[in-house]
């Protein structure tokens, strides 16, 4: 990261099709959030013309695990910037579980921290959480196509524990995302 606490990048151009990517990633240092980083994030997300904007950070924005209270602080600090910057998806870790939040202001939030240390029993029920999984290690697959952002969480035995798609709103569905 060249000493920076935040950065942004686009995946490389596909060498076969030579198609430019339609996604931009934004990395934030959620351990030491400050005004300079917030200004950088707001500027970069506002200036980006990417069709899909994906943020990732260490600490969860939505969780029903052991860091629920800390997540409220992260949410207070970042959620409005995610919405105004056009972020579509946010990935975080810190919790050693899988969780997908209910869609919040059109943004899909994931906690995918179940690869390093298993913490069974940490995935509590919550109205803001659509799916939780803490019974085994997991990993995620994600793909962006013309039809949307597809995701799948898979445990180490190969069982799908969650899957779905986030579609970009059209003129007909903009109010129902």
Protein backbone atom coordinates (compact mmCIF):
# COMPACT_ATOMS: atom_id res chain seq x y z
CA UNK A 1 0.00 0.00 0.00
CA UNK A 2 3.04 2.24 -0.17
CA UNK A 3 2.55 3.43 3.41
CA UNK A 4 -1.00 4.62 2.74
CA UNK A 5 -3.88 3.61 4.99
CA UNK A 6 -6.39 3.77 2.18
CA UNK A 7 -6.25 3.01 -1.51
CA UNK A 8 -8.37 2.30 -4.54
CA UNK A 9 -7.86 0.11 -7.58
CA UNK A 10 -9.59 -1.45 -10.55
CA UNK A 11 -8.95 -5.04 -11.63
CA UNK A 12 -6.70 -5.39 -14.68
CA UNK A 13 -8.18 -5.34 -18.17
CA UNK A 14 -9.17 -8.82 -19.34
CA UNK A 15 -6.25 -9.95 -21.57
CA UNK A 16 -8.49 -12.02 -23.86
CA UNK A 17 -11.44 -9.70 -24.44
CA UNK A 18 -9.58 -6.47 -23.69
CA UNK A 19 -12.71 -5.27 -21.87
CA UNK A 20 -12.22 -2.65 -19.24
CA UNK A 21 -13.54 -3.46 -15.84
CA UNK A 22 -16.71 -1.87 -14.54
CA UNK A 23 -15.75 -2.16 -10.89
CA UNK A 24 -13.59 -0.11 -8.53
CA UNK A 25 -12.47 -1.23 -5.07
CA UNK A 26 -11.93 1.13 -2.15
CA UNK A 27 -9.89 0.02 0.88
CA UNK A 28 -10.20 1.78 4.22
CA UNK A 29 -8.27 1.49 7.47
CA UNK A 30 -11.13 1.03 9.92
CA UNK A 31 -8.76 0.80 12.88
CA UNK A 32 -7.71 4.45 12.62
CA UNK A 33 -10.51 6.30 10.86
CA UNK A 34 -9.86 10.02 10.70
CA UNK A 35 -11.12 13.08 8.81
CA UNK A 36 -8.34 12.92 6.19
CA UNK A 37 -9.28 9.36 5.28
CA UNK A 38 -12.98 10.29 5.17
CA UNK A 39 -12.25 13.20 2.82
CA UNK A 40 -10.14 10.94 0.60
CA UNK A 41 -12.93 8.34 0.49
CA UNK A 42 -15.64 10.89 -0.32
CA UNK A 43 -13.52 12.41 -3.10
CA UNK A 44 -12.53 9.08 -4.68
CA UNK A 45 -16.01 7.54 -4.60
CA UNK A 46 -17.66 10.70 -5.93
CA UNK A 47 -15.12 11.01 -8.76
CA UNK A 48 -15.38 7.34 -9.74
CA UNK A 49 -17.49 6.49 -12.76
CA UNK A 50 -17.34 2.75 -12.10
CA UNK A 51 -20.63 0.91 -12.51
CA UNK A 52 -19.91 -1.13 -9.37
CA UNK A 53 -18.19 0.31 -6.30
CA UNK A 54 -17.00 -2.09 -3.62
CA UNK A 55 -15.50 -1.06 -0.29
CA UNK A 56 -13.57 -3.30 2.06
CA UNK A 57 -12.30 -2.77 5.58
CA UNK A 58 -11.38 -4.82 8.60
CA UNK A 59 -14.17 -3.98 11.04
CA UNK A 60 -17.82 -4.79 10.29
CA UNK A 61 -20.45 -2.15 9.69
CA UNK A 62 -23.33 -4.52 10.47
CA UNK A 63 -22.93 -7.58 12.71
CA UNK A 64 -24.78 -9.45 15.40
CA UNK A 65 -21.58 -11.06 16.67
CA UNK A 66 -19.38 -10.08 19.56
CA UNK A 67 -18.45 -6.69 18.05
CA UNK A 68 -21.99 -5.32 17.69
CA UNK A 69 -21.30 -2.18 19.72
CA UNK A 70 -18.08 -1.37 17.87
CA UNK A 71 -19.94 -1.83 14.57
CA UNK A 72 -22.31 0.97 15.53
CA UNK A 73 -19.37 3.36 15.72
CA UNK A 74 -18.03 2.25 12.32
CA UNK A 75 -21.54 2.56 10.89
CA UNK A 76 -21.91 6.08 12.31
CA UNK A 77 -18.56 7.09 10.80
CA UNK A 78 -18.96 5.53 7.35
CA UNK A 79 -22.50 4.62 6.38
CA UNK A 80 -23.52 8.02 4.98
CA UNK A 81 -20.28 8.21 2.97
CA UNK A 82 -20.97 4.73 1.55
CA UNK A 83 -24.46 5.83 0.48
CA UNK A 84 -23.46 9.21 -0.95
CA UNK A 85 -20.44 7.71 -2.71
CA UNK A 86 -22.55 5.12 -4.52
CA UNK A 87 -21.02 2.08 -2.82
CA UNK A 88 -22.84 -1.12 -3.76
CA UNK A 89 -21.12 -3.76 -1.61
CA UNK A 90 -19.03 -3.65 1.58
CA UNK A 91 -16.83 -6.52 2.76
CA UNK A 92 -15.35 -6.74 6.25
CA UNK A 93 -13.88 -9.29 8.60
CA UNK A 94 -12.89 -9.05 12.28
CA UNK A 95 -15.76 -11.32 13.32
CA UNK A 96 -14.82 -14.96 12.75
CA UNK A 97 -18.19 -15.78 11.20
CA UNK A 98 -20.12 -15.22 7.99
CA UNK A 99 -22.92 -12.68 7.92
CA UNK A 100 -24.89 -10.90 5.25
CA UNK A 101 -26.89 -7.90 6.36
CA UNK A 102 -30.31 -7.01 5.06
CA UNK A 103 -29.96 -4.51 2.22
CA UNK A 104 -29.28 -1.13 3.85
CA UNK A 105 -29.96 1.95 1.70
CA UNK A 106 -29.26 -0.18 -1.38
CA UNK A 107 -25.92 -1.43 -0.01
CA UNK A 108 -25.10 -5.08 0.62
CA UNK A 109 -22.85 -5.64 3.68
CA UNK A 110 -20.88 -8.84 4.32
CA UNK A 111 -18.79 -10.09 7.22
CA UNK A 112 -16.54 -12.83 5.91
CA UNK A 113 -14.09 -13.70 8.64
CA UNK A 114 -14.65 -17.42 9.03
CA UNK A 115 -11.35 -18.63 7.62
CA UNK A 116 -8.92 -17.73 10.38
CA UNK A 117 -10.46 -18.93 13.61
CA UNK A 118 -13.83 -20.55 14.11
CA UNK A 119 -16.10 -19.00 16.75
CA UNK A 120 -19.21 -21.14 16.92
CA UNK A 121 -22.07 -19.47 18.71
CA UNK A 122 -21.08 -15.92 17.75
CA UNK A 123 -23.71 -15.53 15.02
CA UNK A 124 -26.73 -14.22 16.92
CA UNK A 125 -30.11 -13.42 15.40
CA UNK A 126 -30.73 -9.76 14.56
CA UNK A 127 -33.31 -7.87 12.49
CA UNK A 128 -30.54 -6.27 10.42
CA UNK A 129 -28.84 -9.59 9.55
CA UNK A 130 -30.29 -11.67 6.71
CA UNK A 131 -27.98 -14.70 7.04
CA UNK A 132 -25.45 -15.87 9.61
CA UNK A 133 -23.17 -18.87 9.69
CA UNK A 134 -20.68 -19.87 12.38
CA UNK A 135 -20.64 -23.67 12.33
CA UNK A 136 -17.64 -24.14 10.04
CA UNK A 137 -14.95 -22.24 8.15
CA UNK A 138 -16.04 -20.58 4.92
CA UNK A 139 -14.92 -18.64 1.89
CA UNK A 140 -16.77 -16.49 -0.62
CA UNK A 141 -17.08 -16.34 -4.38
CA UNK A 142 -18.28 -13.17 -6.05
CA UNK A 143 -18.87 -12.39 -9.71
CA UNK A 144 -20.08 -9.30 -11.50
CA UNK A 145 -21.88 -9.80 -14.81
CA UNK A 146 -24.28 -7.80 -16.91
CA UNK A 147 -27.04 -9.31 -14.76
CA UNK A 148 -25.70 -8.24 -11.35
CA UNK A 149 -23.38 -8.96 -8.44
CA UNK A 150 -23.58 -12.68 -7.62
CA UNK A 151 -22.27 -14.03 -4.33
CA UNK A 152 -21.89 -17.42 -2.71
CA UNK A 153 -20.55 -18.36 0.72
CA UNK A 154 -19.22 -21.93 0.86
CA UNK A 155 -18.06 -23.92 3.87
CA UNK A 156 -15.00 -26.17 3.80
CA UNK A 157 -17.09 -29.27 2.96
CA UNK A 158 -18.34 -27.54 -0.18
CA UNK A 159 -21.83 -26.77 1.12
CA UNK A 160 -23.31 -23.43 0.05
CA UNK A 161 -24.34 -21.59 3.20
CA UNK A 162 -25.65 -18.48 1.44
CA UNK A 163 -26.00 -17.23 -2.12
CA UNK A 164 -27.78 -14.49 -3.98
CA UNK A 165 -27.60 -11.60 -6.38
CA UNK A 166 -27.67 -7.83 -6.12
CA UNK A 167 -29.00 -6.19 -9.25
CA UNK A 168 -28.53 -2.58 -10.24
CA UNK A 169 -31.79 -0.68 -10.15
CA UNK A 170 -33.37 0.19 -13.47
CA UNK A 171 -35.66 3.13 -14.08
CA UNK A 172 -38.58 0.78 -13.33
CA UNK A 173 -37.13 -0.58 -10.06
CA UNK A 174 -35.12 2.37 -8.71
CA UNK A 175 -37.42 2.91 -5.74
CA UNK A 176 -37.54 -0.80 -4.86
CA UNK A 177 -33.85 -1.73 -4.61
